[in-house]
Amino acid sequence: MFTCEAQIILNRLVIKMSVPRSSTVSAVKIRGSNGEPQFAYPTPAESDPPPIILHNAGRAFNKQNAVFGFVSDPALSLLGSFGNGSFVAECTIDGEIHHFTGTPVQATLADIALLGPQLLKRFASFDDVGPLAQALAANSIGQITNAPLYLDFAYAENGCLLLNGWMANFGYLDVYVLVNGCASVARSRDAIISNRPDVTDHIRGQGFPEIRGDGHGFTLAADCLDPSQPVTIGILQDGVFYIVEQPTPPMSQDKGRVFQLLLGARQGTSFTPLEKITRMLTPFLRSNHRSLDYDVVSTSQWSDGSAPRLSIIVPFYKEWRFLYSLLAMIKDAPLDYEWVIVCDDATIFPQMNLQIANQPDSVRQRITFVLPRQNVGYGHANNIGVKVAKGQRVLLMNSDIWLKSFDVLEVGIRALDDGSFSLLGFTLLFEDQTIQHDGLAFKRSVEVGNRYLALHPGKGLPAESTTARYQLAEAQAVTGALMLIERDLFNEIGGFADRYIGGDFEDADLCLTLRQRGQKVGLVRSTEIFHLERQSIRLDAVNSVGFARTLVNCERFNRRWEDTLEAAARASSPNTDTRLKVVN
């Protein structure tokens, strides 16, 4: 008889496998709603992104069974990942795979002492919560009643709670905030500390005995499935956890304040590492429960078993009126082009569906119309489009692209077919004939903590006049606004990566992935393609959701590619010509 139990304790998933005394548990995987392992022991050799590590905590014996224990690394949004109230475990027992389902239990303070010596020993080895776990297990709990504390703001979403407030000497003490019993915890050393001289003046006026500085303000994040429960705020000192207060946070509906607090920390008087900010931002930018399901509303028609020579994938989001210009292009396009239109916004589906349905057969028969069942973002919308496309070559195209001529696409198709390049982008112009895109370059920027950004060299400058109508050039990377690639190759490398949020850095990641495989990325240079985005491009406001998304995606991109880009930069001479190299 095998059983599997799961508890959530101090930001960690604890798995207890009960098996006969002679049995052995050699592998454990806890799978998410998408079927991919979220936690694993041992860690798979190749997995992108890798699952969270489960550590083997050994086994204990009772009269009949052996109990194998496993403890995960800490993970923000751990509770949110189990928001549906269940888990699926795949365990290898005596060489055979067994599956279990259950509901993870959120631990209380009393549950710590019941973990057993093996699991407690593992918890004690963790630098972040080891001393706290030992104090709670020994019931070394006290009370402090004279530490001034105030919560200014609280917001919960996607299984994460953000708290902002102040506490006397917060930045100088070992403070722990326990949420949902002790299922999750946030520490003062992981919080964003802000200087609050006003608080210093206030508590000095109240006769508070010891003031260590102005670092009283804090912003912190913790897992939370039930924000209506009180939180426990305490100080760990000399092996004793002293409870200061157990308030119920005053929940707000102002999500914008979340971004103001976290992004504003970049500009404060106290240095806050970017990693700390992006870790707190992430749960408020993306739902934990995205569905990648979709419906094919209508499909293109090709006779005699033929296939289109090119499938053009066009995602739509928010602005549906670009469909008018797209339909005009379709009418003038070669008849062997398929157009896969992905409506990634249910609010604009009725207008788009009506416009497509009212087109003549000669147009409708070349259109496949797809509706994801929820907003999936730019990368997944393209991945879905490629999945349903019938052509072997696919062109990923933004809805605000205007093609003055289709000859430029034929140049790209020939370069793809003859093996000159594995992926091609295209020069894109603004309406006034200035450059919007002419290849990507990677430069460090102080705006993102001196990390690499993908930039557009020459953006806003007049397009160069050449005697040749088209030129082919090798590029380090190109924008996903218009990108040509073989469908099988796109699927082979996994399409646009899932690690990015909301259409940012996927294109650069894809290009670098191909170059890492030894394949070439190219650019078709012309003056025949226009990108009809706003001419005066501004950076997102520093406290906006858009900038928050850029920061998080930039951190993820650099985590994967910074070493590669830095090595390439070191290998280049200061006098290296960084302009695109014309190859024809």
Protein backbone atom coordinates (compact mmCIF):
# COMPACT_ATOMS: atom_id res chain seq x y z
CA MET A 1 0.00 0.00 0.00
CA PHE A 2 1.50 3.30 -1.09
CA THR A 3 0.38 6.76 0.02
CA CYS A 4 1.57 10.25 -0.89
CA GLU A 5 0.98 13.37 1.21
CA ALA A 6 1.92 16.97 0.48
CA GLN A 7 2.31 19.92 2.83
CA ILE A 8 3.27 23.52 2.15
CA ILE A 9 5.62 24.73 4.87
CA LEU A 10 7.70 27.94 4.89
CA ASN A 11 7.61 28.41 1.09
CA ARG A 12 8.51 24.79 0.48
CA LEU A 13 6.66 21.76 -0.75
CA VAL A 14 7.07 18.75 1.54
CA ILE A 15 6.30 15.29 0.13
CA LYS A 16 5.89 12.23 2.34
CA MET A 17 5.83 8.88 0.57
CA SER A 18 4.72 5.93 2.70
CA VAL A 19 5.81 2.57 1.25
CA PRO A 20 6.54 -0.94 2.60
CA ARG A 21 9.73 -1.05 4.66
CA SER A 22 11.59 -2.97 1.95
CA SER A 23 10.63 -0.57 -0.86
CA THR A 24 12.63 2.34 -2.29
CA VAL A 25 11.47 5.62 -3.80
CA SER A 26 13.99 6.65 -6.46
CA ALA A 27 12.21 9.53 -8.24
CA VAL A 28 9.42 12.00 -7.60
CA LYS A 29 7.82 14.49 -10.00
CA ILE A 30 5.05 16.88 -9.10
CA ARG A 31 3.36 17.95 -12.31
CA GLY A 32 1.60 21.22 -13.03
CA SER A 33 -1.62 21.84 -14.91
CA ASN A 34 0.30 21.86 -18.24
CA GLY A 35 1.68 18.40 -17.54
CA GLU A 36 5.25 19.63 -17.07
CA PRO A 37 7.13 18.80 -13.84
CA GLN A 38 7.06 21.75 -11.42
CA PHE A 39 9.10 19.91 -8.77
CA ALA A 40 11.43 16.98 -9.30
CA TYR A 41 13.83 14.60 -7.58
CA PRO A 42 16.34 14.04 -9.01
CA THR A 43 16.55 17.11 -11.27
CA PRO A 44 16.20 16.16 -14.97
CA ALA A 45 19.46 16.52 -16.90
CA GLU A 46 17.85 18.73 -19.57
CA SER A 47 14.74 20.74 -18.89
CA ASP A 48 13.87 24.29 -19.93
CA PRO A 49 12.78 25.82 -17.69
CA PRO A 50 14.08 23.40 -15.05
CA PRO A 51 11.67 22.27 -12.34
CA ILE A 52 12.19 23.29 -8.73
CA ILE A 53 14.53 20.90 -6.95
CA LEU A 54 13.16 18.38 -4.46
CA HIS A 55 15.77 17.42 -1.85
CA ASN A 56 15.82 13.91 -0.43
CA ALA A 57 15.32 14.21 3.33
CA GLY A 58 15.93 10.51 3.98
CA ARG A 59 13.47 8.01 5.37
CA ALA A 60 11.96 7.15 8.70
CA PHE A 61 10.41 3.86 9.81
CA ASN A 62 7.29 2.93 11.72
CA LYS A 63 6.02 -0.54 12.53
CA GLN A 64 4.84 -1.32 9.01
CA ASN A 65 6.18 1.24 6.56
CA ALA A 66 9.07 3.39 5.50
CA VAL A 67 8.30 7.09 5.02
CA PHE A 68 10.47 8.87 2.44
CA GLY A 69 10.59 12.64 2.82
CA PHE A 70 11.35 15.25 0.15
CA VAL A 71 11.59 19.03 0.57
CA SER A 72 11.64 21.53 -2.30
CA ASP A 73 13.71 24.65 -2.73
CA PRO A 74 11.72 27.78 -1.86
CA ALA A 75 9.47 29.17 -4.58
CA LEU A 76 7.44 32.36 -4.63
CA SER A 77 3.92 31.61 -5.92
CA LEU A 78 4.18 28.05 -4.62
CA LEU A 79 0.67 28.25 -3.19
CA GLY A 80 -0.58 29.84 -6.39
CA SER A 81 0.72 26.92 -8.45
CA PHE A 82 -1.60 24.68 -6.42
CA GLY A 83 -4.47 27.13 -6.58
CA ASN A 84 -6.84 24.49 -7.93
CA GLY A 85 -6.50 22.62 -4.64
CA SER A 86 -4.84 19.47 -5.94
CA PHE A 87 -1.51 18.02 -6.97
CA VAL A 88 -0.45 15.18 -9.25
CA ALA A 89 2.59 13.18 -8.18
CA GLU A 90 4.50 10.70 -10.33
CA CYS A 91 6.69 8.52 -8.13
CA THR A 92 9.08 5.73 -9.07
CA ILE A 93 8.79 3.00 -6.44
CA ASP A 94 10.90 -0.14 -6.82
CA GLY A 95 11.47 0.76 -10.47
CA GLU A 96 7.78 1.17 -11.33
CA ILE A 97 5.97 4.48 -11.86
CA HIS A 98 2.92 5.16 -9.69
CA HIS A 99 0.61 8.18 -9.86
CA PHE A 100 -1.05 9.94 -6.93
CA THR A 101 -3.41 12.87 -6.57
CA GLY A 102 -4.26 14.78 -3.45
CA THR A 103 -4.72 18.15 -1.81
CA PRO A 104 -1.69 19.89 -0.30
CA VAL A 105 -2.12 20.93 3.32
CA GLN A 106 -1.10 24.41 4.47
CA ALA A 107 0.90 23.97 7.66
CA THR A 108 0.17 25.65 10.97
CA LEU A 109 2.74 26.63 13.59
CA ALA A 110 2.02 23.38 15.43
CA ASP A 111 2.71 21.26 12.33
CA ILE A 112 6.42 22.12 12.36
CA ALA A 113 7.04 19.99 15.44
CA LEU A 114 5.28 17.02 13.79
CA LEU A 115 7.59 16.81 10.78
CA GLY A 116 9.84 14.19 12.35
CA PRO A 117 13.59 14.31 12.89
CA GLN A 118 14.64 13.65 9.28
CA LEU A 119 12.56 16.45 7.75
CA LEU A 120 13.38 18.81 10.62
CA LYS A 121 17.07 18.17 10.05
CA ARG A 122 16.64 19.10 6.39
CA PHE A 123 14.74 22.29 7.29
CA ALA A 124 17.42 23.21 9.82
CA SER A 125 20.03 23.06 7.03
CA PHE A 126 18.34 25.85 5.06
CA ASP A 127 19.94 29.25 5.56
CA ASP A 128 16.74 31.22 5.01
CA VAL A 129 14.33 29.42 7.38
CA GLY A 130 16.52 26.99 9.33
CA PRO A 131 16.71 29.01 12.58
CA LEU A 132 13.00 29.84 12.40
CA ALA A 133 12.03 26.18 11.85
CA GLN A 134 14.12 25.14 14.85
CA ALA A 135 12.49 27.76 17.07
CA LEU A 136 8.97 26.78 15.99
CA ALA A 137 9.68 23.05 16.34
CA ALA A 138 10.93 23.64 19.90
CA ASN A 139 7.91 25.86 20.63
CA SER A 140 10.32 28.68 21.48
CA ILE A 141 7.73 31.38 20.90
CA GLY A 142 7.43 34.64 22.80
CA GLN A 143 5.55 37.92 22.56
CA ILE A 144 6.63 41.55 22.07
CA THR A 145 4.05 44.26 22.69
CA ASN A 146 6.02 47.49 22.32
CA ALA A 147 7.28 47.38 18.70
CA PRO A 148 5.42 50.05 16.64
CA LEU A 149 4.01 48.53 13.45
CA TYR A 150 1.64 49.76 10.74
CA LEU A 151 0.45 48.21 7.46
CA ASP A 152 -0.21 50.87 4.80
CA PHE A 153 -1.13 48.68 1.84
CA ALA A 154 -1.94 45.06 0.99
CA TYR A 155 -2.80 43.50 -2.36
CA ALA A 156 -3.31 39.84 -3.32
CA GLU A 157 -3.44 38.21 -6.75
CA ASN A 158 -2.40 34.90 -8.34
CA GLY A 159 -1.69 33.40 -4.93
CA CYS A 160 0.71 36.16 -3.87
CA LEU A 161 0.33 38.84 -1.19
CA LEU A 162 2.18 42.15 -1.29
CA LEU A 163 2.50 44.06 1.97
CA ASN A 164 3.77 47.60 2.44
CA GLY A 165 4.15 49.38 5.75
CA TRP A 166 6.61 50.21 8.47
CA MET A 167 7.86 48.74 11.70
CA ALA A 168 10.37 50.22 14.11
CA ASN A 169 13.89 49.12 13.09
CA PHE A 170 12.50 46.67 10.51
CA GLY A 171 15.60 46.86 8.33
CA TYR A 172 17.92 46.08 11.23
CA LEU A 173 16.10 43.07 12.70
CA ASP A 174 15.56 39.45 11.72
CA VAL A 175 11.84 39.79 10.97
CA TYR A 176 9.65 37.00 9.61
CA VAL A 177 6.11 37.39 8.28
CA LEU A 178 4.14 34.13 8.30
CA VAL A 179 1.12 33.80 6.00
CA ASN A 180 -1.67 31.19 5.93
CA GLY A 181 -0.49 29.62 9.17
CA CYS A 182 3.15 29.03 8.34
CA ALA A 183 2.65 27.79 4.78
CA SER A 184 4.63 30.75 3.51
CA VAL A 185 7.09 33.21 4.95
CA ALA A 186 8.74 36.48 3.98
CA ARG A 187 11.91 37.72 5.67
CA SER A 188 13.14 41.23 6.30
CA ARG A 189 16.37 40.43 4.44
CA ASP A 190 14.30 39.64 1.31
CA ALA A 191 12.11 42.73 1.64
CA ILE A 192 12.59 46.08 -0.07
CA ILE A 193 13.66 48.41 2.73
CA SER A 194 12.90 52.13 2.47
CA ASN A 195 14.21 54.94 4.61
CA ARG A 196 11.41 56.56 6.61
CA PRO A 197 12.75 59.54 8.59
CA ASP A 198 9.13 60.49 9.29
CA VAL A 199 8.71 57.21 11.16
CA THR A 200 11.92 57.89 13.05
CA ASP A 201 10.50 61.23 14.19
CA HIS A 202 7.18 59.61 15.09
CA ILE A 203 8.52 56.76 17.21
CA ARG A 204 11.08 59.05 18.83
CA GLY A 205 8.19 61.29 19.85
CA GLN A 206 6.44 58.23 21.30
CA GLY A 207 9.46 57.56 23.50
CA PHE A 208 10.60 54.38 21.70
CA PRO A 209 13.78 53.35 23.52
CA GLU A 210 16.12 52.34 20.66
CA ILE A 211 16.25 53.76 17.14
CA ARG A 212 18.95 52.25 14.89
CA GLY A 213 18.38 54.36 11.77
CA ASP A 214 15.68 55.36 9.27
CA GLY A 215 15.22 51.91 7.63
CA HIS A 216 11.73 51.25 9.00
CA GLY A 217 9.72 51.03 5.77
CA PHE A 218 9.23 47.71 3.98
CA THR A 219 7.62 46.14 0.94
CA LEU A 220 7.53 42.35 0.84
CA ALA A 221 5.80 39.52 -0.99
CA ALA A 222 4.60 36.15 0.27
CA ASP A 223 2.48 33.29 -1.00
CA CYS A 224 -1.14 33.60 0.03
CA LEU A 225 -4.27 31.74 -1.02
CA ASP A 226 -6.54 33.27 1.61
CA PRO A 227 -5.79 36.96 2.24
CA SER A 228 -8.65 37.17 4.75
CA GLN A 229 -6.52 35.28 7.28
CA PRO A 230 -4.33 37.25 9.70
CA VAL A 231 -0.58 37.25 9.17
CA THR A 232 1.96 36.69 11.93
CA ILE A 233 4.77 39.24 12.15
CA GLY A 234 7.59 38.37 14.50
CA ILE A 235 11.27 38.83 15.32
CA LEU A 236 13.72 35.93 15.64
CA GLN A 237 16.23 36.66 18.36
CA ASP A 238 18.49 34.31 20.37
CA GLY A 239 16.63 31.23 19.12
CA VAL A 240 13.18 32.56 20.11
CA PHE A 241 10.46 33.73 17.71
CA TYR A 242 8.85 36.78 19.31
CA ILE A 243 5.42 37.58 17.85
CA VAL A 244 4.95 41.33 17.43
CA GLU A 245 1.46 41.39 15.97
CA GLN A 246 -1.03 39.22 14.06
CA PRO A 247 -2.98 41.71 11.94
CA THR A 248 -5.45 41.03 9.14
CA PRO A 249 -4.10 42.98 6.13
CA PRO A 250 -6.33 45.78 4.79
CA MET A 251 -6.82 44.49 1.25
CA SER A 252 -6.76 47.01 -1.61
CA GLN A 253 -8.02 46.77 -5.20
CA ASP A 254 -5.41 49.23 -6.49
CA LYS A 255 -3.10 47.07 -8.59
CA GLY A 256 -1.34 50.12 -9.98
CA ARG A 257 0.01 50.80 -6.50
CA VAL A 258 1.84 47.45 -6.66
CA PHE A 259 3.91 48.64 -9.62
CA GLN A 260 4.47 52.07 -8.10
CA LEU A 261 5.88 50.51 -4.93
CA LEU A 262 8.09 47.92 -6.61
CA LEU A 263 9.35 49.96 -9.54
CA GLY A 264 9.74 53.03 -7.35
CA ALA A 265 12.28 51.08 -5.30
CA ARG A 266 14.71 51.48 -8.22
CA GLN A 267 14.76 55.20 -7.59
CA GLY A 268 14.88 55.30 -3.79
CA THR A 269 17.75 56.21 -1.52
CA SER A 270 18.39 52.58 -0.58
CA PHE A 271 19.93 50.30 -3.22
CA THR A 272 17.58 47.45 -4.15
CA PRO A 273 18.91 44.64 -6.39
CA LEU A 274 16.92 44.22 -9.58
CA GLU A 275 16.52 40.49 -8.89
CA LYS A 276 14.62 41.28 -5.70
CA ILE A 277 12.25 43.63 -7.53
CA THR A 278 11.57 41.28 -10.47
CA ARG A 279 10.97 38.32 -8.14
CA MET A 280 8.16 40.25 -6.44
CA LEU A 281 6.78 41.65 -9.70
CA THR A 282 6.38 38.31 -11.48
CA PRO A 283 3.24 36.97 -9.74
CA PHE A 284 1.35 40.19 -10.50
CA LEU A 285 2.11 40.07 -14.22
CA ARG A 286 0.92 36.61 -15.14
CA SER A 287 -1.89 34.28 -14.20
CA ASN A 288 -1.01 30.89 -12.76
CA HIS A 289 -3.88 29.29 -14.65
CA ARG A 290 -3.41 29.99 -18.35
CA SER A 291 -5.05 27.70 -20.86
CA LEU A 292 -3.36 27.22 -24.22
CA ASP A 293 -6.46 25.62 -25.75
CA TYR A 294 -7.88 27.16 -28.89
CA ASP A 295 -10.68 26.77 -31.42
CA VAL A 296 -10.26 26.84 -35.21
CA VAL A 297 -13.22 28.97 -36.27
CA SER A 298 -12.63 28.48 -40.00
CA THR A 299 -9.91 26.82 -42.02
CA SER A 300 -8.29 27.55 -45.36
CA GLN A 301 -9.17 25.38 -48.33
CA TRP A 302 -6.59 23.89 -50.71
CA SER A 303 -7.58 21.57 -53.55
CA ASP A 304 -6.02 18.33 -54.73
CA GLY A 305 -4.09 17.81 -51.52
CA SER A 306 -1.80 20.74 -52.26
CA ALA A 307 -0.32 22.96 -49.58
CA PRO A 308 0.29 26.71 -49.50
CA ARG A 309 3.76 27.89 -50.46
CA LEU A 310 3.80 30.24 -47.46
CA SER A 311 1.68 30.48 -44.31
CA ILE A 312 1.52 33.96 -42.77
CA ILE A 313 0.69 34.03 -39.04
CA VAL A 314 -0.96 37.26 -37.83
CA PRO A 315 -1.97 37.58 -34.15
CA PHE A 316 -4.47 40.30 -33.18
CA TYR A 317 -4.83 41.87 -29.75
CA LYS A 318 -7.00 44.85 -28.75
CA GLU A 319 -6.88 46.75 -32.07
CA TRP A 320 -8.97 44.86 -34.64
CA ARG A 321 -9.14 47.64 -37.28
CA PHE A 322 -5.80 46.55 -38.74
CA LEU A 323 -7.86 43.70 -40.18
CA TYR A 324 -9.03 46.11 -42.90
CA SER A 325 -5.50 46.63 -44.19
CA LEU A 326 -4.72 42.92 -43.80
CA LEU A 327 -7.74 41.92 -45.90
CA ALA A 328 -6.66 44.42 -48.56
CA MET A 329 -3.22 42.78 -48.67
CA ILE A 330 -4.73 39.30 -48.87
CA LYS A 331 -6.69 40.32 -51.99
CA ASP A 332 -3.45 41.38 -53.72
CA ALA A 333 -1.27 38.56 -52.38
CA PRO A 334 -0.16 35.48 -54.36
CA LEU A 335 -2.91 32.88 -54.36
CA ASP A 336 -0.65 30.23 -52.85
CA TYR A 337 -0.21 32.19 -49.59
CA GLU A 338 -2.21 31.03 -46.56
CA TRP A 339 -3.17 33.56 -43.88
CA VAL A 340 -3.56 32.29 -40.32
CA ILE A 341 -5.29 34.97 -38.25
CA VAL A 342 -5.13 34.42 -34.48
CA CYS A 343 -7.57 36.51 -32.44
CA ASP A 344 -5.86 36.67 -29.05
CA ASP A 345 -8.57 38.88 -27.55
CA ALA A 346 -12.13 37.61 -27.15
CA THR A 347 -13.48 41.17 -26.92
CA ILE A 348 -12.65 41.87 -30.58
CA PHE A 349 -13.66 38.45 -31.89
CA PRO A 350 -17.23 39.40 -32.97
CA GLN A 351 -16.01 42.27 -35.17
CA MET A 352 -13.22 40.18 -36.71
CA ASN A 353 -15.44 37.17 -37.27
CA LEU A 354 -18.05 39.32 -39.04
CA GLN A 355 -15.48 40.97 -41.31
CA ILE A 356 -13.90 37.65 -42.30
CA ALA A 357 -17.27 35.98 -42.86
CA ASN A 358 -18.28 38.77 -45.22
CA GLN A 359 -15.27 38.33 -47.52
CA PRO A 360 -15.65 36.69 -50.95
CA ASP A 361 -14.78 33.02 -51.26
CA SER A 362 -11.50 33.83 -52.99
CA VAL A 363 -10.34 35.52 -49.78
CA ARG A 364 -12.01 33.35 -47.13
CA GLN A 365 -10.64 30.16 -48.65
CA ARG A 366 -7.10 31.37 -47.98
CA ILE A 367 -7.79 32.27 -44.31
CA THR A 368 -7.59 30.09 -41.24
CA PHE A 369 -9.18 31.90 -38.28
CA VAL A 370 -8.20 30.82 -34.77
CA LEU A 371 -9.51 31.89 -31.34
CA PRO A 372 -7.51 30.93 -28.21
CA ARG A 373 -9.83 30.27 -25.29
CA GLN A 374 -8.07 32.95 -23.27
CA ASN A 375 -5.42 35.57 -23.92
CA VAL A 376 -2.14 33.71 -24.36
CA GLY A 377 0.24 36.52 -25.38
CA TYR A 378 2.29 37.19 -28.48
CA GLY A 379 4.59 34.18 -28.28
CA HIS A 380 1.91 31.55 -27.73
CA ALA A 381 -0.41 33.16 -30.29
CA ASN A 382 2.30 32.65 -32.91
CA ASN A 383 3.03 29.13 -31.66
CA ILE A 384 -0.66 28.26 -32.06
CA GLY A 385 -0.72 29.82 -35.52
CA VAL A 386 2.28 27.77 -36.65
CA LYS A 387 0.67 24.66 -35.22
CA VAL A 388 -2.42 24.99 -37.43
CA ALA A 389 -0.56 26.35 -40.50
CA LYS A 390 -0.53 24.16 -43.59
CA GLY A 391 2.56 25.61 -45.28
CA GLN A 392 6.12 24.39 -44.76
CA ARG A 393 7.40 27.96 -44.59
CA VAL A 394 5.85 30.33 -42.05
CA LEU A 395 6.03 34.11 -41.82
CA LEU A 396 5.29 35.55 -38.37
CA MET A 397 3.77 38.98 -38.90
CA ASN A 398 2.43 41.71 -36.62
CA SER A 399 -1.05 42.95 -37.47
CA ASP A 400 0.27 46.50 -38.05
CA ILE A 401 2.66 45.52 -40.87
CA TRP A 402 1.98 46.82 -44.39
CA LEU A 403 3.63 45.12 -47.36
CA LYS A 404 4.05 47.46 -50.31
CA SER A 405 5.15 44.53 -52.45
CA PHE A 406 5.25 40.76 -52.00
CA ASP A 407 8.44 40.49 -54.02
CA VAL A 408 10.45 41.17 -50.85
CA LEU A 409 8.98 38.03 -49.27
CA GLU A 410 10.00 36.01 -52.31
CA VAL A 411 13.61 37.15 -51.79
CA GLY A 412 13.41 35.78 -48.24
CA ILE A 413 11.84 32.52 -49.40
CA ARG A 414 14.63 31.92 -51.91
CA ALA A 415 17.30 32.62 -49.26
CA LEU A 416 15.56 30.19 -46.94
CA ASP A 417 15.22 27.51 -49.60
CA ASP A 418 18.85 27.68 -50.79
CA GLY A 419 20.13 27.32 -47.22
CA SER A 420 21.72 30.77 -46.98
CA PHE A 421 19.86 31.43 -43.74
CA SER A 422 17.71 29.49 -41.29
CA LEU A 423 15.69 32.53 -40.25
CA LEU A 424 15.16 35.90 -41.90
CA GLY A 425 13.87 39.24 -40.75
CA PHE A 426 13.10 42.30 -42.83
CA THR A 427 13.91 45.99 -42.74
CA LEU A 428 10.83 47.84 -41.46
CA LEU A 429 10.13 51.52 -42.01
CA PHE A 430 7.93 54.11 -40.37
CA GLU A 431 5.45 55.90 -42.62
CA ASP A 432 7.89 58.78 -43.16
CA GLN A 433 10.51 56.40 -44.63
CA THR A 434 12.69 56.40 -41.51
CA ILE A 435 13.98 53.14 -40.04
CA GLN A 436 11.97 51.28 -37.44
CA HIS A 437 13.95 48.03 -37.65
CA ASP A 438 17.16 47.10 -39.46
CA GLY A 439 18.38 44.23 -37.28
CA LEU A 440 18.80 43.92 -33.50
CA ALA A 441 21.91 44.62 -31.44
CA PHE A 442 22.49 43.83 -27.79
CA LYS A 443 23.72 46.59 -25.49
CA ARG A 444 23.88 46.97 -21.73
CA SER A 445 21.55 49.62 -20.30
CA VAL A 446 21.48 51.32 -16.91
CA GLU A 447 17.67 51.39 -17.20
CA VAL A 448 17.63 47.65 -16.55
CA GLY A 449 20.46 47.33 -14.04
CA ASN A 450 23.23 47.29 -16.68
CA ARG A 451 21.81 44.18 -18.30
CA TYR A 452 21.57 43.51 -22.00
CA LEU A 453 18.64 44.90 -23.98
CA ALA A 454 17.77 44.12 -27.60
CA LEU A 455 17.96 47.48 -29.36
CA HIS A 456 17.20 48.75 -32.88
CA PRO A 457 20.31 50.48 -34.29
CA GLY A 458 19.47 53.34 -36.62
CA LYS A 459 15.89 53.63 -35.42
CA GLY A 460 14.40 56.92 -36.60
CA LEU A 461 17.16 57.62 -39.12
CA PRO A 462 16.42 57.98 -42.82
CA ALA A 463 16.54 54.72 -44.77
CA GLU A 464 19.67 54.46 -46.93
CA SER A 465 19.24 54.59 -50.69
CA THR A 466 21.00 51.80 -52.59
CA THR A 467 21.16 50.83 -56.24
CA ALA A 468 19.91 47.35 -55.38
CA ARG A 469 16.20 46.96 -54.70
CA TYR A 470 16.94 44.20 -52.17
CA GLN A 471 19.99 43.21 -50.16
CA LEU A 472 20.64 40.20 -47.97
CA ALA A 473 22.67 40.73 -44.82
CA GLU A 474 23.68 38.56 -41.88
CA ALA A 475 22.30 39.76 -38.55
CA GLN A 476 22.83 38.94 -34.91
CA ALA A 477 19.05 38.94 -34.35
CA VAL A 478 15.87 40.32 -35.91
CA THR A 479 12.49 41.44 -34.65
CA GLY A 480 9.55 39.05 -34.44
CA ALA A 481 7.33 41.70 -36.03
CA LEU A 482 8.14 40.05 -39.38
CA MET A 483 10.11 36.83 -39.28
CA LEU A 484 10.43 34.00 -41.84
CA ILE A 485 11.37 30.44 -40.86
CA GLU A 486 10.69 26.82 -41.81
CA ARG A 487 7.75 25.45 -39.84
CA ASP A 488 9.54 22.22 -38.88
CA LEU A 489 12.57 24.12 -37.58
CA PHE A 490 10.36 26.48 -35.57
CA ASN A 491 8.62 23.53 -33.94
CA GLU A 492 11.89 21.62 -33.46
CA ILE A 493 13.34 24.36 -31.24
CA GLY A 494 10.06 24.71 -29.34
CA GLY A 495 8.73 27.87 -30.99
CA PHE A 496 8.76 31.08 -29.00
CA ALA A 497 9.91 30.37 -25.45
CA ASP A 498 7.35 30.27 -22.65
CA ARG A 499 9.66 31.98 -20.16
CA TYR A 500 8.74 35.51 -21.27
CA ILE A 501 5.59 37.44 -20.42
CA GLY A 502 3.46 39.26 -22.95
CA GLY A 503 5.54 39.52 -26.13
CA ASP A 504 8.98 40.72 -25.11
CA PHE A 505 12.41 39.16 -25.85
CA GLU A 506 10.95 36.01 -27.49
CA ASP A 507 12.29 37.03 -30.88
CA ALA A 508 15.83 37.74 -29.62
CA ASP A 509 15.79 34.47 -27.67
CA LEU A 510 14.75 32.54 -30.78
CA CYS A 511 17.52 34.08 -32.88
CA LEU A 512 20.20 33.39 -30.28
CA THR A 513 18.95 29.81 -29.93
CA LEU A 514 19.45 29.25 -33.65
CA ARG A 515 22.88 30.91 -33.66
CA GLN A 516 23.90 28.72 -30.72
CA ARG A 517 23.10 25.74 -32.97
CA GLY A 518 25.40 27.14 -35.65
CA GLN A 519 22.58 28.39 -37.88
CA LYS A 520 22.50 31.78 -39.58
CA VAL A 521 20.06 34.63 -39.06
CA GLY A 522 19.60 37.03 -41.96
CA LEU A 523 17.90 40.28 -42.88
CA VAL A 524 16.26 41.24 -46.18
CA ARG A 525 16.90 44.94 -46.63
CA SER A 526 14.43 46.97 -48.68
CA THR A 527 12.21 50.03 -48.47
CA GLU A 528 8.96 48.17 -49.15
CA ILE A 529 7.68 47.16 -45.71
CA PHE A 530 6.13 49.51 -43.18
CA HIS A 531 5.47 48.99 -39.48
CA LEU A 532 2.53 51.20 -38.61
CA GLU A 533 3.23 51.59 -34.92
CA ARG A 534 3.32 55.09 -33.41
CA GLN A 535 6.10 57.22 -34.84
CA SER A 536 7.07 58.77 -31.49
CA ILE A 537 8.06 55.65 -29.62
CA ARG A 538 8.47 56.29 -25.92
CA LEU A 539 9.75 54.03 -23.21
CA ASP A 540 7.00 52.81 -20.91
CA ALA A 541 6.65 55.03 -17.87
CA VAL A 542 8.98 53.82 -15.14
CA ASN A 543 6.07 52.85 -12.88
CA SER A 544 3.93 51.21 -15.58
CA VAL A 545 2.88 47.60 -16.11
CA GLY A 546 4.71 47.64 -19.45
CA PHE A 547 7.99 48.62 -17.86
CA ALA A 548 7.48 46.04 -15.11
CA ARG A 549 7.06 43.39 -17.80
CA THR A 550 10.21 44.58 -19.56
CA LEU A 551 12.22 44.34 -16.33
CA VAL A 552 11.05 40.81 -15.57
CA ASN A 553 11.61 39.61 -19.14
CA CYS A 554 15.00 41.32 -19.30
CA GLU A 555 16.06 39.54 -16.11
CA ARG A 556 15.00 36.19 -17.57
CA PHE A 557 16.65 36.87 -20.92
CA ASN A 558 19.94 37.82 -19.28
CA ARG A 559 19.82 34.83 -16.96
CA ARG A 560 19.94 32.67 -20.08
CA TRP A 561 22.05 34.70 -22.49
CA GLU A 562 24.22 37.21 -20.59
CA ASP A 563 27.30 34.98 -20.54
CA THR A 564 26.94 34.26 -24.27
CA LEU A 565 26.53 37.94 -25.14
CA GLU A 566 29.39 38.98 -22.87
CA ALA A 567 31.70 36.40 -24.44
CA ALA A 568 30.76 37.68 -27.91
CA ALA A 569 31.41 41.27 -26.81
CA ARG A 570 34.85 40.35 -25.41
CA ALA A 571 35.74 38.53 -28.62
CA SER A 572 35.00 41.62 -30.69
CA SER A 573 37.71 44.19 -31.28
CA PRO A 574 36.88 47.78 -30.27
CA ASN A 575 37.36 48.61 -33.94
CA THR A 576 35.03 45.88 -35.19
CA ASP A 577 32.53 47.11 -37.77
CA THR A 578 29.18 46.37 -36.14
CA ARG A 579 27.13 47.25 -39.21
CA LEU A 580 25.20 44.51 -40.99
CA LYS A 581 27.34 42.64 -43.47
CA VAL A 582 25.84 42.52 -46.94
CA VAL A 583 26.16 39.01 -48.34
CA ASN A 584 24.96 39.42 -51.93
